C-alpha atoms as a PDB file:
ATOM      1  CA  MET A   1      -3.299   8.418 -17.023  1.00  0.00           C
ATOM      2  CA  LYS A   2      -5.288   6.130 -19.251  1.00  0.00           C
ATOM      3  CA  TYR A   3      -7.253   3.826 -16.965  1.00  0.00           C
ATOM      4  CA  TYR A   4      -9.428   4.482 -13.914  1.00  0.00           C
ATOM      5  CA  LEU A   5     -11.920   3.122 -11.313  1.00  0.00           C
ATOM      6  CA  ASP A   6     -14.233   4.973  -9.046  1.00  0.00           C
ATOM      7  CA  ILE A   7     -14.741   4.409  -5.262  1.00  0.00           C
ATOM      8  CA  THR A   8     -18.244   5.800  -4.301  1.00  0.00           C
ATOM      9  CA  LEU A   9     -18.816   6.286  -0.627  1.00  0.00           C
ATOM     10  CA  LEU A  10     -22.304   5.180   0.747  1.00  0.00           C
ATOM     11  CA  PRO A  11     -22.970   6.924   4.020  1.00  0.00           C
ATOM     12  CA  ASP A  12     -25.796   6.008   6.377  1.00  0.00           C
ATOM     13  CA  ALA A  13     -27.180   6.953   9.874  1.00  0.00           C
ATOM     14  CA  GLU A  14     -24.241   5.077  11.433  1.00  0.00           C
ATOM     15  CA  ALA A  15     -21.403   6.123   9.207  1.00  0.00           C
ATOM     16  CA  ASN A  16     -21.413   9.777   7.818  1.00  0.00           C
ATOM     17  CA  LEU A  17     -19.052  10.863   4.908  1.00  0.00           C
ATOM     18  CA  GLY A  18     -16.219  12.348   7.132  1.00  0.00           C
ATOM     19  CA  PHE A  19     -15.852   8.834   8.872  1.00  0.00           C
ATOM     20  CA  LEU A  20     -16.056   6.923   5.506  1.00  0.00           C
ATOM     21  CA  TRP A  21     -13.426   9.138   4.044  1.00  0.00           C
ATOM     22  CA  TYR A  22     -11.157   8.672   6.974  1.00  0.00           C
ATOM     23  CA  LYS A  23     -11.521   4.854   6.861  1.00  0.00           C
ATOM     24  CA  VAL A  24     -11.553   4.450   2.920  1.00  0.00           C
ATOM     25  CA  PHE A  25      -8.688   6.936   2.370  1.00  0.00           C
ATOM     26  CA  GLN A  26      -6.645   5.335   5.061  1.00  0.00           C
ATOM     27  CA  GLN A  27      -7.100   1.803   3.398  1.00  0.00           C
ATOM     28  CA  VAL A  28      -6.176   3.382  -0.061  1.00  0.00           C
ATOM     29  CA  HIS A  29      -3.027   4.786   1.220  1.00  0.00           C
ATOM     30  CA  ILE A  30      -1.890   1.628   2.827  1.00  0.00           C
ATOM     31  CA  ALA A  31      -2.543  -0.142  -0.456  1.00  0.00           C
ATOM     32  CA  LEU A  32      -0.523   2.458  -2.373  1.00  0.00           C
ATOM     33  CA  VAL A  33       2.328   2.153   0.081  1.00  0.00           C
ATOM     34  CA  ASP A  34       2.132  -1.759  -0.355  1.00  0.00           C
ATOM     35  CA  ASN A  35       2.396  -1.257  -4.127  1.00  0.00           C
ATOM     36  CA  LYS A  36       4.826   1.744  -4.317  1.00  0.00           C
ATOM     37  CA  VAL A  37       7.196   1.859  -7.200  1.00  0.00           C
ATOM     38  CA  ALA A  38       9.933   3.806  -5.468  1.00  0.00           C
ATOM     39  CA  ASP A  39      10.365   5.463  -2.090  1.00  0.00           C
ATOM     40  CA  ASN A  40       7.035   7.449  -1.433  1.00  0.00           C
ATOM     41  CA  GLU A  41       6.331   7.077  -5.138  1.00  0.00           C
ATOM     42  CA  SER A  42       3.014   5.508  -6.638  1.00  0.00           C
ATOM     43  CA  ALA A  43       2.026   4.479 -10.110  1.00  0.00           C
ATOM     44  CA  ILE A  44      -1.444   5.366  -9.127  1.00  0.00           C
ATOM     45  CA  ALA A  45      -2.961   8.951  -8.790  1.00  0.00           C
ATOM     46  CA  LEU A  46      -6.013  10.099  -7.042  1.00  0.00           C
ATOM     47  CA  ALA A  47      -8.685  12.376  -8.127  1.00  0.00           C
ATOM     48  CA  ILE A  48     -11.409  13.709  -5.769  1.00  0.00           C
ATOM     49  CA  VAL A  49     -14.551  13.786  -8.087  1.00  0.00           C
ATOM     50  CA  GLY A  50     -16.695  15.759  -5.773  1.00  0.00           C
ATOM     51  CA  TYR A  51     -14.010  18.347  -4.768  1.00  0.00           C
ATOM     52  CA  GLY A  52     -15.686  21.625  -3.542  1.00  0.00           C
ATOM     53  CA  ASP A  53     -19.054  20.075  -2.998  1.00  0.00           C
ATOM     54  CA  ARG A  54     -21.353  22.405  -0.953  1.00  0.00           C
ATOM     55  CA  THR A  55     -22.931  19.645   0.906  1.00  0.00           C
ATOM     56  CA  PHE A  56     -19.489  17.961   1.881  1.00  0.00           C
ATOM     57  CA  PRO A  57     -16.260  19.628   0.617  1.00  0.00           C
ATOM     58  CA  LEU A  58     -14.717  16.312  -0.669  1.00  0.00           C
ATOM     59  CA  GLY A  59     -18.009  15.003  -2.213  1.00  0.00           C
ATOM     60  CA  ASN A  60     -18.619  11.132  -2.145  1.00  0.00           C
ATOM     61  CA  LYS A  61     -16.387   9.685  -4.869  1.00  0.00           C
ATOM     62  CA  LEU A  62     -12.657   9.262  -5.169  1.00  0.00           C
ATOM     63  CA  ARG A  63     -11.060   8.039  -8.494  1.00  0.00           C
ATOM     64  CA  LEU A  64      -7.879   5.935  -8.872  1.00  0.00           C
ATOM     65  CA  LEU A  65      -6.085   6.582 -12.055  1.00  0.00           C
ATOM     66  CA  ALA A  66      -3.073   4.780 -13.730  1.00  0.00           C
ATOM     67  CA  ALA A  67      -1.019   4.833 -16.933  1.00  0.00           C
ATOM     68  CA  ASN A  68      -1.938   1.264 -17.495  1.00  0.00           C
ATOM     69  CA  GLU A  69      -4.638  -1.212 -16.452  1.00  0.00           C
ATOM     70  CA  HIS A  70      -2.202  -3.632 -14.886  1.00  0.00           C
ATOM     71  CA  SER A  71      -1.381  -1.045 -12.117  1.00  0.00           C
ATOM     72  CA  LEU A  72      -4.988  -0.889 -11.025  1.00  0.00           C
ATOM     73  CA  VAL A  73      -5.569  -4.640 -11.251  1.00  0.00           C
ATOM     74  CA  LYS A  74      -2.398  -5.263  -9.229  1.00  0.00           C
ATOM     75  CA  LEU A  75      -3.641  -3.086  -6.507  1.00  0.00           C
ATOM     76  CA  ARG A  76      -6.578  -5.201  -5.804  1.00  0.00           C
ATOM     77  CA  ILE A  77      -8.247  -2.229  -4.025  1.00  0.00           C
ATOM     78  CA  ALA A  78     -11.515  -4.450  -3.324  1.00  0.00           C
ATOM     79  CA  GLY A  79      -9.368  -6.655  -1.037  1.00  0.00           C
ATOM     80  CA  TRP A  80      -8.174  -3.511   0.976  1.00  0.00           C
ATOM     81  CA  LEU A  81     -11.803  -2.288   1.240  1.00  0.00           C
ATOM     82  CA  ASN A  82     -13.354  -5.640   1.958  1.00  0.00           C
ATOM     83  CA  ARG A  83     -14.486  -4.680   5.608  1.00  0.00           C
ATOM     84  CA  LEU A  84     -16.096  -1.451   4.237  1.00  0.00           C
ATOM     85  CA  SER A  85     -17.884  -3.273   1.405  1.00  0.00           C
ATOM     86  CA  ASP A  86     -21.298  -2.150   2.787  1.00  0.00           C
ATOM     87  CA  TYR A  87     -20.213   1.573   2.560  1.00  0.00           C
ATOM     88  CA  CYS A  88     -18.525   1.849  -0.706  1.00  0.00           C
ATOM     89  CA  HIS A  89     -19.128   0.843  -4.265  1.00  0.00           C
ATOM     90  CA  ILE A  90     -16.094   0.081  -6.534  1.00  0.00           C
ATOM     91  CA  SER A  91     -16.545   0.358 -10.248  1.00  0.00           C
ATOM     92  CA  SER A  92     -14.885  -1.856 -12.831  1.00  0.00           C
ATOM     93  CA  ILE A  93     -11.740  -0.483 -14.467  1.00  0.00           C
ATOM     94  CA  LYS A  94     -12.441   1.861 -17.363  1.00  0.00           C
ATOM     95  CA  THR A  95     -10.617   3.685 -20.043  1.00  0.00           C
ATOM     96  CA  VAL A  96     -10.308   7.362 -19.473  1.00  0.00           C
ATOM     97  CA  PRO A  97     -12.579   9.198 -21.971  1.00  0.00           C
ATOM     98  CA  THR A  98     -10.739  10.699 -25.158  1.00  0.00           C
ATOM     99  CA  GLY A  99     -10.846  14.415 -25.716  1.00  0.00           C
ATOM    100  CA  ILE A 100     -10.425  15.563 -21.966  1.00  0.00           C
ATOM    101  CA  LYS A 101     -10.226  19.463 -21.909  1.00  0.00           C
ATOM    102  CA  GLN A 102      -9.376  19.988 -18.323  1.00  0.00           C
ATOM    103  CA  HIS A 103      -6.770  18.458 -16.009  1.00  0.00           C
ATOM    104  CA  ALA A 104      -6.476  18.775 -12.214  1.00  0.00           C
ATOM    105  CA  ARG A 105      -3.668  18.547  -9.720  1.00  0.00           C
ATOM    106  CA  PHE A 106      -4.495  17.428  -6.221  1.00  0.00           C
ATOM    107  CA  ASN A 107      -1.616  18.373  -3.915  1.00  0.00           C
ATOM    108  CA  ARG A 108      -1.077  18.069  -0.088  1.00  0.00           C
ATOM    109  CA  LYS A 109      -1.011  21.420   1.568  1.00  0.00           C
ATOM    110  CA  ASN A 110       0.916  21.550   4.747  1.00  0.00           C
ATOM    111  CA  VAL A 111      -0.895  23.582   7.336  1.00  0.00           C
ATOM    112  CA  GLN A 112       0.670  24.439  10.788  1.00  0.00           C
ATOM    113  CA  SER A 113      -1.438  25.586  13.502  1.00  0.00           C
ATOM    114  CA  ILE A 114      -0.805  29.251  14.634  1.00  0.00           C
ATOM    115  CA  GLU A 115       0.460  27.933  18.016  1.00  0.00           C
ATOM    116  CA  LYS A 116       3.117  25.789  16.266  1.00  0.00           C
ATOM    117  CA  LYS A 117       4.132  28.699  13.967  1.00  0.00           C
ATOM    118  CA  ALA A 118       4.425  30.858  17.119  1.00  0.00           C
ATOM    119  CA  ARG A 119       6.560  28.370  18.856  1.00  0.00           C
ATOM    120  CA  ARG A 120       8.876  27.850  15.951  1.00  0.00           C
ATOM    121  CA  ARG A 121       9.228  31.559  15.199  1.00  0.00           C
ATOM    122  CA  ALA A 122       9.838  32.356  18.919  1.00  0.00           C
ATOM    123  CA  ILE A 123      12.808  30.039  19.049  1.00  0.00           C
ATOM    124  CA  HIS A 124      14.279  31.286  15.674  1.00  0.00           C
ATOM    125  CA  LEU A 125      13.877  34.917  16.634  1.00  0.00           C
ATOM    126  CA  GLY A 126      14.841  34.370  20.439  1.00  0.00           C
ATOM    127  CA  LYS A 127      11.676  36.284  21.486  1.00  0.00           C
ATOM    128  CA  PRO A 128       9.001  35.102  23.956  1.00  0.00           C
ATOM    129  CA  TYR A 129       6.400  32.884  22.764  1.00  0.00           C
ATOM    130  CA  HIS A 130       3.354  35.064  23.866  1.00  0.00           C
ATOM    131  CA  GLU A 131       4.676  38.079  21.976  1.00  0.00           C
ATOM    132  CA  VAL A 132       5.172  36.174  18.739  1.00  0.00           C
ATOM    133  CA  LEU A 133       1.771  34.697  19.086  1.00  0.00           C
ATOM    134  CA  ALA A 134       0.163  38.157  19.715  1.00  0.00           C
ATOM    135  CA  PHE A 135       1.907  39.408  16.669  1.00  0.00           C
ATOM    136  CA  LEU A 136       0.757  36.585  14.349  1.00  0.00           C
ATOM    137  CA  VAL A 137      -2.944  37.037  15.691  1.00  0.00           C
ATOM    138  CA  ALA A 138      -2.654  40.784  14.905  1.00  0.00           C
ATOM    139  CA  GLU A 139      -1.426  40.012  11.419  1.00  0.00           C
ATOM    140  CA  GLY A 140      -4.483  37.910  10.722  1.00  0.00           C
ATOM    141  CA  LYS A 141      -2.437  34.742  10.659  1.00  0.00           C
ATOM    142  CA  SER A 142      -4.743  32.879  12.867  1.00  0.00           C
ATOM    143  CA  GLU A 143      -7.350  32.292  10.317  1.00  0.00           C
ATOM    144  CA  LYS A 144      -8.041  28.487   9.782  1.00  0.00           C
ATOM    145  CA  CYS A 145      -7.229  26.781   6.634  1.00  0.00           C
ATOM    146  CA  LYS A 146     -10.369  26.503   4.423  1.00  0.00           C
ATOM    147  CA  LEU A 147      -9.130  23.662   2.206  1.00  0.00           C
ATOM    148  CA  PRO A 148     -10.950  20.451   2.587  1.00  0.00           C
ATOM    149  CA  PHE A 149      -9.096  17.848   4.654  1.00  0.00           C
ATOM    150  CA  ILE A 150      -9.227  14.096   5.490  1.00  0.00           C
ATOM    151  CA  LEU A 151      -8.410  13.038   9.028  1.00  0.00           C
ATOM    152  CA  LEU A 152      -5.914  10.344   8.804  1.00  0.00           C
ATOM    153  CA  GLU A 153      -3.786   8.038  11.215  1.00  0.00           C
ATOM    154  CA  SER A 154      -0.080   8.101  10.748  1.00  0.00           C
ATOM    155  CA  GLN A 155       1.284   4.631  11.047  1.00  0.00           C
ATOM    156  CA  ASP A 156       4.734   5.872  11.950  1.00  0.00           C
ATOM    157  CA  THR A 157       3.232   8.049  14.809  1.00  0.00           C
ATOM    158  CA  LYS A 158       1.066   5.324  15.944  1.00  0.00           C
ATOM    159  CA  LYS A 159       4.104   3.362  17.164  1.00  0.00           C
ATOM    160  CA  ARG A 160       4.980   6.154  19.503  1.00  0.00           C
ATOM    161  CA  ALA A 161       1.287   6.842  20.645  1.00  0.00           C
ATOM    162  CA  THR A 162       1.922   5.226  24.003  1.00  0.00           C
ATOM    163  CA  GLN A 163       4.335   8.072  24.576  1.00  0.00           C
ATOM    164  CA  GLY A 164       1.491  10.522  24.577  1.00  0.00           C
ATOM    165  CA  VAL A 165       2.002  11.595  20.929  1.00  0.00           C
ATOM    166  CA  SER A 166      -1.247  11.961  18.776  1.00  0.00           C
ATOM    167  CA  CYS A 167      -1.046   9.677  15.703  1.00  0.00           C
ATOM    168  CA  HIS A 168      -4.021  11.611  13.957  1.00  0.00           C
ATOM    169  CA  PHE A 169      -3.544  14.466  11.551  1.00  0.00           C
ATOM    170  CA  GLN A 170      -5.370  16.390   8.961  1.00  0.00           C
ATOM    171  CA  LEU A 171      -4.274  15.934   5.375  1.00  0.00           C
ATOM    172  CA  PHE A 172      -5.312  19.189   3.639  1.00  0.00           C
ATOM    173  CA  ILE A 173      -5.854  18.757  -0.172  1.00  0.00           C
ATOM    174  CA  GLU A 174      -5.688  21.666  -2.683  1.00  0.00           C
ATOM    175  CA  GLN A 175      -7.033  21.294  -6.129  1.00  0.00           C
ATOM    176  CA  THR A 176      -5.699  23.262  -9.126  1.00  0.00           C
ATOM    177  CA  LEU A 177      -7.337  23.043 -12.531  1.00  0.00           C
ATOM    178  CA  GLY A 178      -5.658  23.742 -15.810  1.00  0.00           C
ATOM    179  CA  ASP A 179      -5.947  23.099 -19.702  1.00  0.00           C
ATOM    180  CA  GLU A 180      -2.712  21.220 -20.136  1.00  0.00           C
ATOM    181  CA  PRO A 181      -1.658  17.863 -18.814  1.00  0.00           C
ATOM    182  CA  ILE A 182       1.483  17.929 -16.811  1.00  0.00           C
ATOM    183  CA  SER A 183       3.394  14.741 -15.977  1.00  0.00           C
ATOM    184  CA  GLY A 184       5.283  14.051 -12.910  1.00  0.00           C
ATOM    185  CA  LYS A 185       5.364  11.694  -9.775  1.00  0.00           C
ATOM    186  CA  PHE A 186       2.697  10.792  -7.409  1.00  0.00           C
ATOM    187  CA  ASP A 187       3.195  10.072  -3.670  1.00  0.00           C
ATOM    188  CA  CYS A 188       1.539   7.263  -1.696  1.00  0.00           C
ATOM    189  CA  TYR A 189      -1.447   9.410  -0.982  1.00  0.00           C
ATOM    190  CA  GLY A 190      -1.999   9.496  -4.790  1.00  0.00           C
ATOM    191  CA  LEU A 191      -1.131  13.169  -4.774  1.00  0.00           C
ATOM    192  CA  SER A 192       1.355  15.421  -6.507  1.00  0.00           C
ATOM    193  CA  LYS A 193       3.027  18.860  -6.363  1.00  0.00           C
ATOM    194  CA  ILE A 194       3.347  18.934 -10.000  1.00  0.00           C
ATOM    195  CA  ALA A 195       1.537  16.144 -11.941  1.00  0.00           C
ATOM    196  CA  THR A 196      -2.105  16.423 -13.133  1.00  0.00           C
ATOM    197  CA  VAL A 197      -4.829  13.886 -13.828  1.00  0.00           C
ATOM    198  CA  PRO A 198      -7.629  13.937 -16.426  1.00  0.00           C
ATOM    199  CA  TRP A 199     -10.690  15.823 -14.903  1.00  0.00           C
ATOM    200  CA  PHE A 200     -13.977  14.540 -16.112  1.00  0.00           C
END
């Protein structure tokens, strides 16, 4: 990744950071889907600059990175965020600084609720749901995930929302830091299970 741009979220009394992450990230995701290079594959990666911030766990800035400047220009992110222009600042495209010593992987972490785990396990084991749920609670499996998350709206599920299916979900994001860059593919959220981005 050699080029980047930053999107800084600007909350106010009417729109807090959680709401802005929801709105901005939803648009970024749709833009990445619209510009994908293969099935669920993006040429653009995402970094959450303020990851782990004490005030708000995701901070107020997300960074889009690409191997070439053309990918970021072609994305035209300002157009996707036009309706939110009062609530975010988009920097110009810049070159990633040289001599980066740290690299970060931002990866989607699948987290199931304890109730969902209990239902699946009860079916798999052929045991009553309440027994499996009690066992998981006793084992300490009921603790909530402490990773930061972004509330999103699934466009596929939204089509079935009239059937009583919720189209909102929590996208939990895990950050891992390392000394060496690792190449790989990024999904249409700009996240990867393997690949890293320069961390600066």
